[in-house]
Amino acid sequence: MLSEHLLLLNVLDRQTGELYWLLPGGGREAGETAEQCVAREVWEETSLRVAVTRLLFEVPDIPAGSYDRLRTYLCVVQEGTARPGIEPEVDGEGQPTIQDIGWFHLRRPETWDVRLREEEITYHMLQQVRAALGYLP
């Protein structure tokens, strides 16, 4: 049941060779609502059409991050098959690129890729998602 799963991007930093997991997302384009931005970014990065259900939480970005605030939304897949897409804003020579995607069961963190559990920022965000959805004990 995918309603208990979260889709993450496995991104390659071409400069360092590091692979890391990341939530789909990005910045708004002129005239977009937050929900339109989420749907567009998910489409670009995963080839999935989603319905944005609601805002789960909002937190300040990390120091020296790209944004002032990070907003995480609950989405429901409407159509498509998840596959690695592109990061139009940065996809190019020497820039990070999406290598793979992965579904992560929110009620079973022990099944997650060990690298994910070692990624402080993304792992922390996943715990916030789990808390917002009532999946923490």
N, C-alpha and C. Protein backbone atom coordinates (compact mmCIF):
# COMPACT_ATOMS: atom_id res chain seq x y z
N MET A 1 0.85 -1.19 0.00
CA MET A 1 0.00 0.00 0.00
C MET A 1 0.89 1.24 0.00
N LEU A 2 0.85 2.02 -1.07
CA LEU A 2 1.75 3.16 -1.19
C LEU A 2 1.34 4.34 -0.32
N SER A 3 0.17 4.32 0.28
CA SER A 3 -0.22 5.43 1.13
C SER A 3 0.66 5.53 2.38
N GLU A 4 1.36 4.47 2.70
CA GLU A 4 2.26 4.48 3.84
C GLU A 4 3.71 4.59 3.39
N HIS A 5 3.92 4.98 2.14
CA HIS A 5 5.26 5.07 1.59
C HIS A 5 5.59 6.50 1.18
N LEU A 6 6.86 6.77 1.16
CA LEU A 6 7.37 8.07 0.76
C LEU A 6 8.38 7.85 -0.35
N LEU A 7 8.30 8.67 -1.38
CA LEU A 7 9.21 8.57 -2.51
C LEU A 7 10.38 9.53 -2.32
N LEU A 8 11.60 9.00 -2.44
CA LEU A 8 12.80 9.82 -2.35
C LEU A 8 13.61 9.70 -3.63
N LEU A 9 14.40 10.72 -3.88
CA LEU A 9 15.31 10.74 -5.02
C LEU A 9 16.70 10.34 -4.54
N ASN A 10 17.37 9.48 -5.29
CA ASN A 10 18.76 9.16 -5.01
C ASN A 10 19.59 10.02 -5.96
N VAL A 11 20.28 10.99 -5.41
CA VAL A 11 20.95 12.02 -6.18
C VAL A 11 22.47 11.82 -6.12
N LEU A 12 23.11 12.01 -7.27
CA LEU A 12 24.56 11.93 -7.36
C LEU A 12 25.13 13.34 -7.45
N ASP A 13 26.02 13.67 -6.52
CA ASP A 13 26.77 14.92 -6.60
C ASP A 13 27.95 14.64 -7.52
N ARG A 14 27.91 15.17 -8.72
CA ARG A 14 28.94 14.86 -9.72
C ARG A 14 30.31 15.41 -9.35
N GLN A 15 30.35 16.41 -8.49
CA GLN A 15 31.64 16.97 -8.10
C GLN A 15 32.34 16.11 -7.06
N THR A 16 31.57 15.55 -6.11
CA THR A 16 32.18 14.75 -5.04
C THR A 16 32.02 13.25 -5.25
N GLY A 17 31.09 12.85 -6.13
CA GLY A 17 30.80 11.45 -6.32
C GLY A 17 29.89 10.87 -5.26
N GLU A 18 29.43 11.71 -4.33
CA GLU A 18 28.57 11.26 -3.23
C GLU A 18 27.15 11.02 -3.72
N LEU A 19 26.54 9.93 -3.27
CA LEU A 19 25.13 9.64 -3.49
C LEU A 19 24.37 9.94 -2.21
N TYR A 20 23.21 10.57 -2.34
CA TYR A 20 22.41 10.87 -1.15
C TYR A 20 20.94 10.85 -1.51
N TRP A 21 20.09 10.64 -0.50
CA TRP A 21 18.65 10.62 -0.67
C TRP A 21 18.09 12.00 -0.38
N LEU A 22 17.04 12.36 -1.12
CA LEU A 22 16.48 13.70 -1.02
C LEU A 22 15.00 13.65 -1.36
N LEU A 23 14.20 14.46 -0.66
CA LEU A 23 12.79 14.60 -1.01
C LEU A 23 12.67 15.36 -2.33
N PRO A 24 11.71 15.01 -3.18
CA PRO A 24 11.48 15.82 -4.37
C PRO A 24 11.09 17.24 -3.96
N GLY A 25 11.46 18.20 -4.77
CA GLY A 25 11.06 19.57 -4.45
C GLY A 25 11.88 20.60 -5.16
N GLY A 26 11.58 21.84 -4.87
CA GLY A 26 12.29 22.95 -5.49
C GLY A 26 11.54 24.25 -5.28
N GLY A 27 11.97 25.26 -5.99
CA GLY A 27 11.39 26.59 -5.82
C GLY A 27 10.26 26.88 -6.79
N ARG A 28 9.43 27.85 -6.38
CA ARG A 28 8.29 28.27 -7.20
C ARG A 28 8.74 29.09 -8.39
N GLU A 29 8.02 28.90 -9.47
CA GLU A 29 8.20 29.75 -10.64
C GLU A 29 7.19 30.88 -10.56
N ALA A 30 7.43 31.95 -11.30
CA ALA A 30 6.54 33.12 -11.29
C ALA A 30 5.10 32.71 -11.54
N GLY A 31 4.20 33.18 -10.68
CA GLY A 31 2.78 32.95 -10.85
C GLY A 31 2.27 31.62 -10.32
N GLU A 32 3.15 30.75 -9.83
CA GLU A 32 2.72 29.45 -9.31
C GLU A 32 2.25 29.55 -7.87
N THR A 33 1.25 28.74 -7.54
CA THR A 33 0.90 28.56 -6.14
C THR A 33 1.86 27.51 -5.57
N ALA A 34 1.88 27.38 -4.26
CA ALA A 34 2.74 26.37 -3.64
C ALA A 34 2.35 24.97 -4.13
N GLU A 35 1.05 24.72 -4.24
CA GLU A 35 0.57 23.40 -4.68
C GLU A 35 0.96 23.13 -6.13
N GLN A 36 0.87 24.13 -7.00
CA GLN A 36 1.28 23.96 -8.40
C GLN A 36 2.78 23.68 -8.49
N CYS A 37 3.55 24.35 -7.66
CA CYS A 37 5.00 24.12 -7.62
C CYS A 37 5.30 22.68 -7.22
N VAL A 38 4.65 22.19 -6.19
CA VAL A 38 4.88 20.82 -5.73
C VAL A 38 4.54 19.83 -6.84
N ALA A 39 3.39 19.99 -7.46
CA ALA A 39 2.98 19.07 -8.53
C ALA A 39 3.96 19.12 -9.70
N ARG A 40 4.43 20.30 -10.08
CA ARG A 40 5.38 20.43 -11.19
C ARG A 40 6.72 19.79 -10.84
N GLU A 41 7.23 20.07 -9.64
CA GLU A 41 8.52 19.51 -9.24
C GLU A 41 8.47 17.99 -9.16
N VAL A 42 7.39 17.44 -8.62
CA VAL A 42 7.27 15.98 -8.54
C VAL A 42 7.22 15.40 -9.96
N TRP A 43 6.49 16.04 -10.86
CA TRP A 43 6.42 15.57 -12.25
C TRP A 43 7.81 15.59 -12.90
N GLU A 44 8.52 16.70 -12.76
CA GLU A 44 9.84 16.83 -13.38
C GLU A 44 10.83 15.80 -12.84
N GLU A 45 10.76 15.56 -11.54
CA GLU A 45 11.78 14.73 -10.90
C GLU A 45 11.43 13.25 -10.82
N THR A 46 10.13 12.90 -11.00
CA THR A 46 9.74 11.49 -10.83
C THR A 46 8.81 10.95 -11.91
N SER A 47 8.31 11.80 -12.81
CA SER A 47 7.35 11.41 -13.85
C SER A 47 6.00 10.99 -13.28
N LEU A 48 5.69 11.41 -12.06
CA LEU A 48 4.39 11.11 -11.45
C LEU A 48 3.53 12.36 -11.43
N ARG A 49 2.24 12.19 -11.74
CA ARG A 49 1.24 13.24 -11.56
C ARG A 49 0.64 13.02 -10.18
N VAL A 50 0.68 14.08 -9.37
CA VAL A 50 0.17 13.96 -8.01
C VAL A 50 -0.88 15.02 -7.72
N ALA A 51 -1.74 14.69 -6.75
CA ALA A 51 -2.65 15.66 -6.17
C ALA A 51 -2.05 16.06 -4.83
N VAL A 52 -1.92 17.34 -4.61
CA VAL A 52 -1.37 17.84 -3.35
C VAL A 52 -2.52 17.91 -2.36
N THR A 53 -2.41 17.12 -1.30
CA THR A 53 -3.50 16.99 -0.34
C THR A 53 -3.47 18.08 0.73
N ARG A 54 -2.28 18.24 1.36
CA ARG A 54 -2.19 19.26 2.43
C ARG A 54 -0.74 19.49 2.82
N LEU A 55 -0.52 20.61 3.48
CA LEU A 55 0.78 20.93 4.05
C LEU A 55 0.95 20.09 5.31
N LEU A 56 2.06 19.35 5.39
CA LEU A 56 2.33 18.56 6.59
C LEU A 56 3.04 19.39 7.66
N PHE A 57 4.08 20.12 7.25
CA PHE A 57 4.81 20.97 8.18
C PHE A 57 5.70 21.94 7.42
N GLU A 58 6.16 22.93 8.14
CA GLU A 58 7.05 23.95 7.61
C GLU A 58 8.13 24.22 8.63
N VAL A 59 9.38 24.25 8.17
CA VAL A 59 10.52 24.48 9.06
C VAL A 59 11.50 25.44 8.39
N PRO A 60 12.37 26.09 9.17
CA PRO A 60 13.41 26.91 8.55
C PRO A 60 14.40 26.03 7.79
N ASP A 61 14.95 26.55 6.69
CA ASP A 61 15.98 25.83 5.96
C ASP A 61 17.25 25.78 6.81
N ILE A 62 18.16 24.89 6.45
CA ILE A 62 19.44 24.80 7.15
C ILE A 62 20.23 26.08 6.90
N PRO A 63 21.16 26.43 7.77
CA PRO A 63 22.00 27.61 7.53
C PRO A 63 22.69 27.49 6.17
N ALA A 64 22.70 28.58 5.42
CA ALA A 64 23.29 28.64 4.08
C ALA A 64 22.52 27.77 3.08
N GLY A 65 21.26 27.40 3.41
CA GLY A 65 20.43 26.64 2.48
C GLY A 65 19.91 27.53 1.36
N SER A 66 19.24 26.93 0.42
CA SER A 66 18.74 27.65 -0.76
C SER A 66 17.46 28.43 -0.49
N TYR A 67 16.74 28.09 0.58
CA TYR A 67 15.42 28.68 0.83
C TYR A 67 15.37 29.24 2.25
N ASP A 68 14.38 30.10 2.50
CA ASP A 68 14.15 30.59 3.86
C ASP A 68 13.45 29.52 4.69
N ARG A 69 12.43 28.91 4.09
CA ARG A 69 11.62 27.91 4.77
C ARG A 69 11.47 26.70 3.87
N LEU A 70 11.33 25.53 4.50
CA LEU A 70 11.07 24.29 3.77
C LEU A 70 9.66 23.83 4.13
N ARG A 71 8.86 23.59 3.11
CA ARG A 71 7.49 23.13 3.32
C ARG A 71 7.38 21.72 2.76
N THR A 72 6.77 20.84 3.53
CA THR A 72 6.59 19.46 3.11
C THR A 72 5.09 19.18 3.01
N TYR A 73 4.69 18.69 1.85
CA TYR A 73 3.28 18.45 1.55
C TYR A 73 3.00 16.96 1.40
N LEU A 74 1.78 16.58 1.76
CA LEU A 74 1.29 15.23 1.52
C LEU A 74 0.69 15.22 0.12
N CYS A 75 1.11 14.25 -0.69
CA CYS A 75 0.62 14.12 -2.07
C CYS A 75 0.10 12.70 -2.29
N VAL A 76 -0.81 12.58 -3.23
CA VAL A 76 -1.35 11.28 -3.63
C VAL A 76 -1.08 11.12 -5.12
N VAL A 77 -0.49 9.99 -5.48
CA VAL A 77 -0.20 9.72 -6.89
C VAL A 77 -1.51 9.55 -7.64
N GLN A 78 -1.64 10.29 -8.75
CA GLN A 78 -2.81 10.20 -9.60
C GLN A 78 -2.56 9.32 -10.82
N GLU A 79 -1.34 9.43 -11.38
CA GLU A 79 -1.00 8.60 -12.53
C GLU A 79 0.50 8.63 -12.77
N GLY A 80 0.95 7.63 -13.51
CA GLY A 80 2.35 7.56 -13.89
C GLY A 80 3.09 6.43 -13.20
N THR A 81 4.29 6.21 -13.66
CA THR A 81 5.20 5.23 -13.07
C THR A 81 6.43 5.99 -12.62
N ALA A 82 6.79 5.84 -11.37
CA ALA A 82 7.93 6.58 -10.82
C ALA A 82 9.22 6.14 -11.50
N ARG A 83 9.97 7.13 -11.97
CA ARG A 83 11.30 6.90 -12.54
C ARG A 83 12.10 8.18 -12.39
N PRO A 84 13.42 8.06 -12.41
CA PRO A 84 14.25 9.26 -12.24
C PRO A 84 13.97 10.28 -13.34
N GLY A 85 13.77 11.50 -12.92
CA GLY A 85 13.55 12.59 -13.85
C GLY A 85 14.76 13.49 -13.89
N ILE A 86 14.51 14.78 -14.04
CA ILE A 86 15.60 15.75 -14.11
C ILE A 86 15.38 16.85 -13.09
N GLU A 87 16.45 17.57 -12.82
CA GLU A 87 16.43 18.78 -12.01
C GLU A 87 16.69 19.91 -12.99
N PRO A 88 15.65 20.47 -13.64
CA PRO A 88 15.89 21.46 -14.68
C PRO A 88 16.70 22.66 -14.21
N GLU A 89 16.56 23.00 -12.95
CA GLU A 89 17.27 24.17 -12.44
C GLU A 89 18.77 23.93 -12.35
N VAL A 90 19.19 22.68 -12.16
CA VAL A 90 20.62 22.41 -11.95
C VAL A 90 21.18 21.31 -12.83
N ASP A 91 20.34 20.61 -13.60
CA ASP A 91 20.82 19.47 -14.37
C ASP A 91 21.75 19.95 -15.48
N GLY A 92 22.99 19.62 -15.36
CA GLY A 92 23.99 20.03 -16.35
C GLY A 92 25.36 19.56 -15.91
N GLU A 93 26.33 19.87 -16.70
CA GLU A 93 27.71 19.46 -16.45
C GLU A 93 28.14 19.81 -15.03
N GLY A 94 28.57 18.80 -14.29
CA GLY A 94 29.09 19.02 -12.94
C GLY A 94 28.04 19.24 -11.88
N GLN A 95 26.76 19.23 -12.24
CA GLN A 95 25.69 19.48 -11.28
C GLN A 95 25.11 18.15 -10.77
N PRO A 96 24.41 18.19 -9.63
CA PRO A 96 23.78 16.97 -9.12
C PRO A 96 22.78 16.42 -10.14
N THR A 97 22.63 15.12 -10.15
CA THR A 97 21.69 14.48 -11.07
C THR A 97 20.97 13.34 -10.36
N ILE A 98 19.71 13.16 -10.70
CA ILE A 98 18.90 12.10 -10.09
C ILE A 98 19.30 10.77 -10.73
N GLN A 99 19.76 9.83 -9.90
CA GLN A 99 20.20 8.52 -10.37
C GLN A 99 19.11 7.46 -10.27
N ASP A 100 18.29 7.57 -9.24
CA ASP A 100 17.31 6.54 -8.97
C ASP A 100 16.23 7.14 -8.07
N ILE A 101 15.17 6.38 -7.88
CA ILE A 101 14.13 6.75 -6.92
C ILE A 101 13.91 5.55 -6.01
N GLY A 102 13.35 5.81 -4.86
CA GLY A 102 13.04 4.71 -3.94
C GLY A 102 11.82 5.02 -3.12
N TRP A 103 11.00 3.99 -2.92
CA TRP A 103 9.85 4.10 -2.03
C TRP A 103 10.27 3.60 -0.65
N PHE A 104 9.96 4.36 0.38
CA PHE A 104 10.34 4.01 1.75
C PHE A 104 9.08 3.90 2.61
N HIS A 105 8.94 2.74 3.25
CA HIS A 105 7.78 2.46 4.09
C HIS A 105 7.89 3.28 5.37
N LEU A 106 6.93 4.17 5.59
CA LEU A 106 7.00 5.08 6.73
C LEU A 106 6.80 4.40 8.07
N ARG A 107 6.16 3.26 8.10
CA ARG A 107 5.96 2.54 9.36
C ARG A 107 7.08 1.54 9.65
N ARG A 108 8.04 1.39 8.70
CA ARG A 108 9.09 0.39 8.87
C ARG A 108 10.47 0.98 8.58
N PRO A 109 10.93 1.95 9.37
CA PRO A 109 12.23 2.57 9.10
C PRO A 109 13.40 1.60 9.16
N GLU A 110 13.22 0.46 9.82
CA GLU A 110 14.31 -0.52 9.88
C GLU A 110 14.59 -1.12 8.51
N THR A 111 13.68 -0.95 7.55
CA THR A 111 13.88 -1.48 6.20
C THR A 111 14.56 -0.46 5.27
N TRP A 112 14.77 0.74 5.75
CA TRP A 112 15.34 1.80 4.91
C TRP A 112 16.81 1.54 4.60
N ASP A 113 17.24 2.02 3.45
CA ASP A 113 18.64 2.00 3.03
C ASP A 113 19.50 2.54 4.17
N VAL A 114 20.53 1.84 4.54
CA VAL A 114 21.39 2.24 5.66
C VAL A 114 21.98 3.64 5.42
N ARG A 115 22.26 3.96 4.16
CA ARG A 115 22.80 5.31 3.86
C ARG A 115 21.81 6.39 4.26
N LEU A 116 20.52 6.11 4.08
CA LEU A 116 19.50 7.09 4.44
C LEU A 116 19.53 7.36 5.93
N ARG A 117 19.67 6.32 6.71
CA ARG A 117 19.69 6.49 8.17
C ARG A 117 20.91 7.27 8.63
N GLU A 118 21.94 7.35 7.78
CA GLU A 118 23.16 8.09 8.12
C GLU A 118 23.12 9.54 7.63
N GLU A 119 22.12 9.89 6.84
CA GLU A 119 22.00 11.24 6.30
C GLU A 119 21.19 12.10 7.27
N GLU A 120 21.88 12.88 8.03
CA GLU A 120 21.26 13.61 9.13
C GLU A 120 20.07 14.47 8.70
N ILE A 121 20.19 15.24 7.66
CA ILE A 121 19.13 16.18 7.27
C ILE A 121 17.91 15.43 6.74
N THR A 122 18.10 14.56 5.75
CA THR A 122 16.97 13.84 5.16
C THR A 122 16.33 12.90 6.17
N TYR A 123 17.15 12.21 6.96
CA TYR A 123 16.61 11.30 7.97
C TYR A 123 15.74 12.08 8.97
N HIS A 124 16.21 13.24 9.38
CA HIS A 124 15.44 14.07 10.31
C HIS A 124 14.11 14.49 9.68
N MET A 125 14.14 14.87 8.40
CA MET A 125 12.90 15.26 7.72
C MET A 125 11.93 14.08 7.64
N LEU A 126 12.44 12.88 7.40
CA LEU A 126 11.57 11.72 7.35
C LEU A 126 10.92 11.46 8.71
N GLN A 127 11.65 11.69 9.77
CA GLN A 127 11.07 11.54 11.10
C GLN A 127 9.97 12.58 11.32
N GLN A 128 10.15 13.78 10.77
CA GLN A 128 9.11 14.81 10.87
C GLN A 128 7.88 14.40 10.08
N VAL A 129 8.07 13.81 8.90
CA VAL A 129 6.95 13.32 8.10
C VAL A 129 6.22 12.24 8.89
N ARG A 130 6.96 11.30 9.45
CA ARG A 130 6.34 10.22 10.22
C ARG A 130 5.54 10.78 11.40
N ALA A 131 6.08 11.79 12.09
CA ALA A 131 5.38 12.39 13.21
C ALA A 131 4.11 13.10 12.75
N ALA A 132 4.21 13.85 11.65
CA ALA A 132 3.05 14.59 11.14
C ALA A 132 1.92 13.66 10.73
N LEU A 133 2.27 12.44 10.30
CA LEU A 133 1.26 11.47 9.87
C LEU A 133 0.84 10.52 11.00
N GLY A 134 1.42 10.70 12.18
CA GLY A 134 1.05 9.87 13.33
C GLY A 134 1.68 8.50 13.31
N TYR A 135 2.84 8.34 12.64
CA TYR A 135 3.49 7.04 12.52
C TYR A 135 4.55 6.78 13.59
N LEU A 136 4.79 7.75 14.46
CA LEU A 136 5.75 7.52 15.54
C LEU A 136 5.02 6.95 16.74
N PRO A 137 5.71 6.13 17.53
CA PRO A 137 5.06 5.53 18.71
C PRO A 137 4.67 6.58 19.73
